[in-house]
């Protein structure tokens, strides 16, 4: 296993714990620091709790912003974490779709996605990234 595959495998192990615990997080690779099994999740803002999400949605500037935020916040829920994790690689490099087969394999082997073929996995990951890009282009912030 290459060094980068080892890092991804260690991140996926953390994501597995998060999903089992039912915690909402931003699974972007930049939110993990450390080495080997001493990997830590370090993103603290915004706090992705129900109370915070409700408060942020309550001050949305209109129905369109409300919907974009509501959809975006939903992608931090445990059931979307594997797809969100993959989609965020497109934030780093738009050509990162080339690594999706390897990510799909790792996530499948670790039980984070079950019975999901590569095409729907890729489609969901790209949809998440597109929504985040729309939110950013419109200047809609989660905090």
Protein backbone atom coordinates (compact mmCIF):
# COMPACT_ATOMS: atom_id res chain seq x y z
CA UNK A 1 0.00 0.00 0.00
CA UNK A 2 1.40 3.40 -0.96
CA UNK A 3 1.79 6.21 1.55
CA UNK A 4 -1.19 8.14 0.14
CA UNK A 5 -3.35 4.99 0.15
CA UNK A 6 -2.34 4.44 3.78
CA UNK A 7 -3.41 7.98 4.70
CA UNK A 8 -6.75 7.51 2.96
CA UNK A 9 -7.24 4.14 4.68
CA UNK A 10 -6.56 5.75 8.07
CA UNK A 11 -9.00 8.59 7.31
CA UNK A 12 -11.61 6.05 6.23
CA UNK A 13 -11.15 4.24 9.55
CA UNK A 14 -11.96 7.51 11.36
CA UNK A 15 -14.93 8.11 9.04
CA UNK A 16 -16.24 4.64 9.88
CA UNK A 17 -16.23 5.55 13.59
CA UNK A 18 -18.01 8.84 12.85
CA UNK A 19 -20.70 7.13 10.79
CA UNK A 20 -21.30 4.45 13.43
CA UNK A 21 -21.56 7.18 16.09
CA UNK A 22 -24.05 9.14 13.96
CA UNK A 23 -22.01 12.33 14.03
CA UNK A 24 -22.20 15.05 11.37
CA UNK A 25 -18.81 16.26 10.13
CA UNK A 26 -17.09 17.81 7.13
CA UNK A 27 -15.01 14.88 5.85
CA UNK A 28 -12.65 16.99 3.72
CA UNK A 29 -9.16 15.49 3.75
CA UNK A 30 -7.76 18.84 4.96
CA UNK A 31 -9.62 18.33 8.24
CA UNK A 32 -7.39 15.42 9.26
CA UNK A 33 -3.92 15.80 10.74
CA UNK A 34 -1.40 13.39 12.14
CA UNK A 35 0.53 10.39 11.04
CA UNK A 36 -0.36 6.74 10.78
CA UNK A 37 -2.93 5.69 13.31
CA UNK A 38 -2.43 8.94 15.24
CA UNK A 39 -4.80 10.71 12.90
CA UNK A 40 -7.11 13.38 14.33
CA UNK A 41 -10.12 15.24 12.98
CA UNK A 42 -9.66 18.97 13.59
CA UNK A 43 -12.52 20.90 11.96
CA UNK A 44 -14.48 22.77 14.64
CA UNK A 45 -16.54 25.28 12.68
CA UNK A 46 -19.35 25.43 12.06
CA UNK A 47 -20.66 23.11 14.73
CA UNK A 48 -22.84 20.76 12.69
CA UNK A 49 -25.47 20.21 15.38
CA UNK A 50 -29.23 20.35 14.81
CA UNK A 51 -29.46 23.53 16.88
CA UNK A 52 -26.77 25.30 14.90
CA UNK A 53 -28.21 24.24 11.55
CA UNK A 54 -31.69 25.44 12.58
CA UNK A 55 -30.26 28.77 13.77
CA UNK A 56 -28.33 29.32 10.52
CA UNK A 57 -31.33 28.39 8.38
CA UNK A 58 -33.51 30.83 10.36
CA UNK A 59 -31.41 33.77 9.12
CA UNK A 60 -31.12 32.68 5.49
CA UNK A 61 -31.68 35.51 3.02
CA UNK A 62 -34.67 34.17 1.15
CA UNK A 63 -36.02 30.81 0.06
CA UNK A 64 -33.23 30.12 -2.44
CA UNK A 65 -30.46 30.60 0.12
CA UNK A 66 -32.43 28.57 2.66
CA UNK A 67 -32.74 25.65 0.22
CA UNK A 68 -29.07 25.74 -0.76
CA UNK A 69 -28.02 25.77 2.89
CA UNK A 70 -30.50 23.06 3.86
CA UNK A 71 -29.29 20.81 1.05
CA UNK A 72 -25.64 21.55 1.85
CA UNK A 73 -26.04 20.86 5.56
CA UNK A 74 -27.73 17.53 4.76
CA UNK A 75 -24.54 16.34 3.07
CA UNK A 76 -22.66 16.42 6.39
CA UNK A 77 -24.93 13.70 7.81
CA UNK A 78 -23.43 10.24 8.31
CA UNK A 79 -25.18 8.62 5.34
CA UNK A 80 -23.52 11.08 2.95
CA UNK A 81 -20.02 11.13 4.48
CA UNK A 82 -18.43 8.61 2.04
CA UNK A 83 -19.74 10.54 -0.97
CA UNK A 84 -18.86 13.90 0.56
CA UNK A 85 -15.35 12.64 1.31
CA UNK A 86 -14.88 11.69 -2.34
CA UNK A 87 -16.50 14.86 -3.67
CA UNK A 88 -14.18 17.06 -1.65
CA UNK A 89 -11.21 15.70 -3.58
CA UNK A 90 -12.70 17.58 -6.55
CA UNK A 91 -12.24 20.74 -4.47
CA UNK A 92 -8.52 20.03 -4.33
CA UNK A 93 -8.19 19.03 -7.99
CA UNK A 94 -11.00 18.95 -10.57
CA UNK A 95 -9.25 15.96 -12.18
CA UNK A 96 -9.52 13.95 -8.94
CA UNK A 97 -12.37 11.94 -10.37
CA UNK A 98 -9.58 9.67 -11.63
CA UNK A 99 -9.09 8.41 -8.06
CA UNK A 100 -12.79 7.63 -7.53
CA UNK A 101 -12.44 3.94 -8.49
CA UNK A 102 -9.75 3.53 -5.80
CA UNK A 103 -11.80 5.51 -3.24
CA UNK A 104 -14.89 3.48 -4.11
CA UNK A 105 -12.94 0.28 -3.55
CA UNK A 106 -11.53 1.42 -0.19
CA UNK A 107 -14.90 2.70 1.04
CA UNK A 108 -16.63 -0.51 -0.10
CA UNK A 109 -14.00 -2.75 1.46
CA UNK A 110 -14.31 -0.89 4.77
CA UNK A 111 -18.10 -1.19 4.72
CA UNK A 112 -18.86 2.53 4.39
CA UNK A 113 -20.80 2.00 1.18
CA UNK A 114 -22.58 -1.26 0.53
CA UNK A 115 -23.93 -2.37 -2.81
CA UNK A 116 -23.30 0.99 -4.47
CA UNK A 117 -21.76 0.76 -7.93
CA UNK A 118 -19.06 3.18 -9.04
CA UNK A 119 -21.31 5.23 -11.36
CA UNK A 120 -23.90 6.22 -8.71
CA UNK A 121 -21.10 6.74 -6.18
CA UNK A 122 -19.35 9.12 -8.58
CA UNK A 123 -22.59 10.90 -9.44
CA UNK A 124 -23.44 11.51 -5.76
CA UNK A 125 -19.92 12.74 -4.99
CA UNK A 126 -20.00 15.17 -7.92
CA UNK A 127 -23.47 16.41 -6.96
CA UNK A 128 -22.25 17.23 -3.44
CA UNK A 129 -19.26 19.13 -4.83
CA UNK A 130 -21.46 21.02 -7.30
CA UNK A 131 -23.78 22.15 -4.52
CA UNK A 132 -20.86 23.33 -2.40
CA UNK A 133 -19.45 25.19 -5.41
CA UNK A 134 -22.83 26.84 -6.01
CA UNK A 135 -23.02 27.91 -2.36
CA UNK A 136 -19.55 29.43 -2.57
CA UNK A 137 -20.20 31.18 -5.90
CA UNK A 138 -23.32 32.75 -4.41
CA UNK A 139 -21.39 33.92 -1.35
CA UNK A 140 -23.54 31.85 1.02
CA UNK A 141 -21.65 30.98 4.14
CA UNK A 142 -22.43 28.31 6.70
CA UNK A 143 -21.43 30.54 9.61
